[in-house]
Amino acid sequence: MRRFLARFGFLIKVATLDDIRVNDYSLNPGRYVEIIENEMSDVDFEARMKELMNEFTGLTAEAHELENKIQEDWEKIL
């Protein structure tokens, strides 16, 4: 069985045709990959969520500013 550690920590497997036959042609991922439980980290969830929300709010504001700039530029061109 060939296994690879993919991005984001998910375990993946390249299934062979024989593997698929053995599993009655089911392509359900649970038949081919294992679930690995990650230990809980010591990160303060509320503090981290607040950080992420602040970052998201800032990025959203920046996106709106860029949208407005693009709209203004399009109006100048047209």
N, C-alpha and C. Protein backbone atom coordinates (compact mmCIF):
# COMPACT_ATOMS: atom_id res chain seq x y z
N MET A 1 0.85 -1.17 0.00
CA MET A 1 0.00 0.00 0.00
C MET A 1 0.90 1.23 0.00
N ARG A 2 0.70 2.12 -0.99
CA ARG A 2 1.49 3.34 -1.08
C ARG A 2 0.75 4.47 -0.38
N ARG A 3 1.41 5.12 0.57
CA ARG A 3 0.81 6.23 1.30
C ARG A 3 1.70 7.45 1.18
N PHE A 4 1.07 8.58 1.21
CA PHE A 4 1.80 9.84 1.15
C PHE A 4 1.18 10.79 2.17
N LEU A 5 2.03 11.61 2.78
CA LEU A 5 1.52 12.64 3.66
C LEU A 5 1.32 13.88 2.81
N ALA A 6 0.08 14.24 2.59
CA ALA A 6 -0.24 15.36 1.72
C ALA A 6 -0.23 16.66 2.49
N ARG A 7 -0.42 17.73 1.77
CA ARG A 7 -0.56 19.04 2.41
C ARG A 7 -1.70 19.00 3.40
N PHE A 8 -1.66 19.84 4.38
CA PHE A 8 -2.67 19.98 5.41
C PHE A 8 -2.74 18.76 6.32
N GLY A 9 -1.79 17.82 6.25
CA GLY A 9 -1.73 16.71 7.17
C GLY A 9 -2.67 15.56 6.88
N PHE A 10 -3.32 15.53 5.73
CA PHE A 10 -4.22 14.43 5.41
C PHE A 10 -3.42 13.27 4.84
N LEU A 11 -3.75 12.07 5.26
CA LEU A 11 -3.10 10.88 4.72
C LEU A 11 -3.87 10.47 3.47
N ILE A 12 -3.15 10.28 2.38
CA ILE A 12 -3.81 9.90 1.14
C ILE A 12 -3.21 8.60 0.63
N LYS A 13 -3.93 7.97 -0.27
CA LYS A 13 -3.45 6.72 -0.85
C LYS A 13 -3.81 6.69 -2.32
N VAL A 14 -2.90 6.20 -3.12
CA VAL A 14 -3.19 5.97 -4.53
C VAL A 14 -3.73 4.54 -4.61
N ALA A 15 -5.03 4.42 -4.91
CA ALA A 15 -5.66 3.10 -4.97
C ALA A 15 -5.41 2.45 -6.32
N THR A 16 -5.07 1.18 -6.28
CA THR A 16 -4.89 0.42 -7.52
C THR A 16 -6.25 -0.12 -7.96
N LEU A 17 -6.32 -0.60 -9.17
CA LEU A 17 -7.57 -1.21 -9.65
C LEU A 17 -7.93 -2.42 -8.79
N ASP A 18 -6.94 -3.17 -8.34
CA ASP A 18 -7.20 -4.31 -7.47
C ASP A 18 -7.81 -3.85 -6.14
N ASP A 19 -7.28 -2.75 -5.57
CA ASP A 19 -7.86 -2.21 -4.34
C ASP A 19 -9.33 -1.87 -4.55
N ILE A 20 -9.62 -1.24 -5.67
CA ILE A 20 -11.00 -0.82 -5.95
C ILE A 20 -11.90 -2.04 -6.13
N ARG A 21 -11.40 -3.06 -6.82
CA ARG A 21 -12.19 -4.30 -6.99
C ARG A 21 -12.50 -4.94 -5.65
N VAL A 22 -11.47 -5.05 -4.80
CA VAL A 22 -11.63 -5.66 -3.47
C VAL A 22 -12.70 -4.91 -2.67
N ASN A 23 -12.78 -3.61 -2.86
CA ASN A 23 -13.76 -2.79 -2.14
C ASN A 23 -15.07 -2.66 -2.91
N ASP A 24 -15.34 -3.64 -3.78
CA ASP A 24 -16.59 -3.71 -4.54
C ASP A 24 -16.84 -2.43 -5.33
N TYR A 25 -15.78 -1.89 -5.90
CA TYR A 25 -15.80 -0.69 -6.74
C TYR A 25 -16.30 0.55 -6.02
N SER A 26 -16.25 0.53 -4.71
CA SER A 26 -16.62 1.70 -3.93
C SER A 26 -15.46 2.69 -3.93
N LEU A 27 -15.77 3.95 -4.19
CA LEU A 27 -14.75 4.99 -4.16
C LEU A 27 -14.86 5.83 -2.89
N ASN A 28 -15.52 5.30 -1.90
CA ASN A 28 -15.65 5.98 -0.61
C ASN A 28 -14.25 6.12 -0.01
N PRO A 29 -13.82 7.35 0.27
CA PRO A 29 -12.46 7.55 0.79
C PRO A 29 -12.15 6.77 2.06
N GLY A 30 -13.16 6.54 2.89
CA GLY A 30 -12.94 5.82 4.14
C GLY A 30 -12.44 4.40 3.93
N ARG A 31 -12.64 3.87 2.75
CA ARG A 31 -12.14 2.51 2.47
C ARG A 31 -10.67 2.49 2.12
N TYR A 32 -10.10 3.64 1.84
CA TYR A 32 -8.73 3.69 1.35
C TYR A 32 -7.76 4.44 2.24
N VAL A 33 -8.25 5.33 3.09
CA VAL A 33 -7.36 6.11 3.94
C VAL A 33 -7.74 5.96 5.40
N GLU A 34 -6.75 6.13 6.25
CA GLU A 34 -6.97 6.04 7.68
C GLU A 34 -7.27 7.42 8.24
N ILE A 35 -8.01 7.46 9.32
CA ILE A 35 -8.23 8.71 10.02
C ILE A 35 -7.21 8.79 11.14
N ILE A 36 -6.47 9.87 11.15
CA ILE A 36 -5.45 10.06 12.18
C ILE A 36 -5.91 11.20 13.06
N GLU A 37 -6.05 10.91 14.33
CA GLU A 37 -6.47 11.95 15.26
C GLU A 37 -5.29 12.80 15.65
N ASN A 38 -5.48 14.10 15.57
CA ASN A 38 -4.45 15.05 16.00
C ASN A 38 -4.71 15.43 17.44
N GLU A 39 -3.64 15.58 18.18
CA GLU A 39 -3.79 16.00 19.56
C GLU A 39 -4.22 17.46 19.59
N MET A 40 -4.98 17.82 20.60
CA MET A 40 -5.41 19.20 20.76
C MET A 40 -4.20 20.05 21.13
N SER A 41 -4.12 21.21 20.54
CA SER A 41 -3.01 22.10 20.87
C SER A 41 -3.38 22.96 22.07
N ASP A 42 -2.39 23.61 22.60
CA ASP A 42 -2.60 24.46 23.77
C ASP A 42 -3.00 25.87 23.38
N VAL A 43 -3.41 26.08 22.13
CA VAL A 43 -3.77 27.40 21.66
C VAL A 43 -5.08 27.84 22.31
N ASP A 44 -5.10 29.08 22.78
CA ASP A 44 -6.32 29.66 23.35
C ASP A 44 -7.26 29.95 22.19
N PHE A 45 -8.33 29.16 22.08
CA PHE A 45 -9.23 29.25 20.94
C PHE A 45 -9.81 30.65 20.78
N GLU A 46 -10.32 31.22 21.86
CA GLU A 46 -10.96 32.54 21.77
C GLU A 46 -9.98 33.61 21.33
N ALA A 47 -8.77 33.58 21.87
CA ALA A 47 -7.75 34.57 21.49
C ALA A 47 -7.38 34.41 20.02
N ARG A 48 -7.19 33.16 19.60
CA ARG A 48 -6.81 32.91 18.20
C ARG A 48 -7.94 33.30 17.26
N MET A 49 -9.18 33.02 17.64
CA MET A 49 -10.32 33.37 16.80
C MET A 49 -10.42 34.89 16.68
N LYS A 50 -10.16 35.60 17.77
CA LYS A 50 -10.19 37.06 17.74
C LYS A 50 -9.12 37.60 16.78
N GLU A 51 -7.91 37.02 16.84
CA GLU A 51 -6.84 37.41 15.92
C GLU A 51 -7.26 37.19 14.47
N LEU A 52 -7.82 36.02 14.20
CA LEU A 52 -8.23 35.69 12.83
C LEU A 52 -9.35 36.61 12.35
N MET A 53 -10.29 36.93 13.22
CA MET A 53 -11.39 37.83 12.85
C MET A 53 -10.87 39.23 12.56
N ASN A 54 -9.91 39.69 13.35
CA ASN A 54 -9.31 41.01 13.10
C ASN A 54 -8.60 41.03 11.75
N GLU A 55 -7.86 39.97 11.47
CA GLU A 55 -7.17 39.87 10.18
C GLU A 55 -8.18 39.84 9.04
N PHE A 56 -9.24 39.04 9.20
CA PHE A 56 -10.28 38.93 8.18
C PHE A 56 -10.95 40.29 7.94
N THR A 57 -11.26 41.00 9.02
CA THR A 57 -11.90 42.30 8.90
C THR A 57 -11.00 43.28 8.14
N GLY A 58 -9.72 43.27 8.46
CA GLY A 58 -8.78 44.13 7.75
C GLY A 58 -8.67 43.79 6.28
N LEU A 59 -8.60 42.50 5.99
CA LEU A 59 -8.50 42.07 4.59
C LEU A 59 -9.77 42.40 3.81
N THR A 60 -10.92 42.28 4.48
CA THR A 60 -12.18 42.61 3.83
C THR A 60 -12.25 44.10 3.51
N ALA A 61 -11.82 44.94 4.44
CA ALA A 61 -11.80 46.38 4.21
C ALA A 61 -10.87 46.72 3.04
N GLU A 62 -9.71 46.08 3.03
CA GLU A 62 -8.76 46.30 1.93
C GLU A 62 -9.35 45.88 0.60
N ALA A 63 -10.06 44.76 0.59
CA ALA A 63 -10.70 44.27 -0.64
C ALA A 63 -11.72 45.28 -1.15
N HIS A 64 -12.51 45.87 -0.24
CA HIS A 64 -13.50 46.87 -0.65
C HIS A 64 -12.83 48.12 -1.21
N GLU A 65 -11.72 48.54 -0.60
CA GLU A 65 -10.98 49.69 -1.12
C GLU A 65 -10.48 49.41 -2.53
N LEU A 66 -9.95 48.20 -2.74
CA LEU A 66 -9.45 47.84 -4.07
C LEU A 66 -10.59 47.75 -5.09
N GLU A 67 -11.73 47.24 -4.65
CA GLU A 67 -12.91 47.20 -5.53
C GLU A 67 -13.28 48.59 -5.99
N ASN A 68 -13.33 49.53 -5.04
CA ASN A 68 -13.68 50.90 -5.38
C ASN A 68 -12.65 51.52 -6.32
N LYS A 69 -11.37 51.26 -6.08
CA LYS A 69 -10.31 51.78 -6.95
C LYS A 69 -10.45 51.22 -8.36
N ILE A 70 -10.73 49.95 -8.47
CA ILE A 70 -10.92 49.34 -9.79
C ILE A 70 -12.11 49.96 -10.50
N GLN A 71 -13.20 50.16 -9.76
CA GLN A 71 -14.40 50.77 -10.35
C GLN A 71 -14.10 52.18 -10.85
N GLU A 72 -13.37 52.96 -10.05
CA GLU A 72 -13.00 54.32 -10.45
C GLU A 72 -12.13 54.29 -11.70
N ASP A 73 -11.17 53.36 -11.74
CA ASP A 73 -10.29 53.26 -12.90
C ASP A 73 -11.06 52.88 -14.15
N TRP A 74 -12.02 51.98 -14.03
CA TRP A 74 -12.83 51.56 -15.16
C TRP A 74 -13.67 52.74 -15.68
N GLU A 75 -14.19 53.53 -14.76
CA GLU A 75 -14.98 54.69 -15.17
C GLU A 75 -14.13 55.69 -15.93
N LYS A 76 -12.86 55.85 -15.55
CA LYS A 76 -11.95 56.75 -16.27
C LYS A 76 -11.65 56.22 -17.68
N ILE A 77 -11.52 54.91 -17.78
CA ILE A 77 -11.21 54.30 -19.08
C ILE A 77 -12.40 54.37 -20.02
N LEU A 78 -13.57 54.11 -19.51
CA LEU A 78 -14.76 54.10 -20.35
C LEU A 78 -15.29 55.48 -20.46
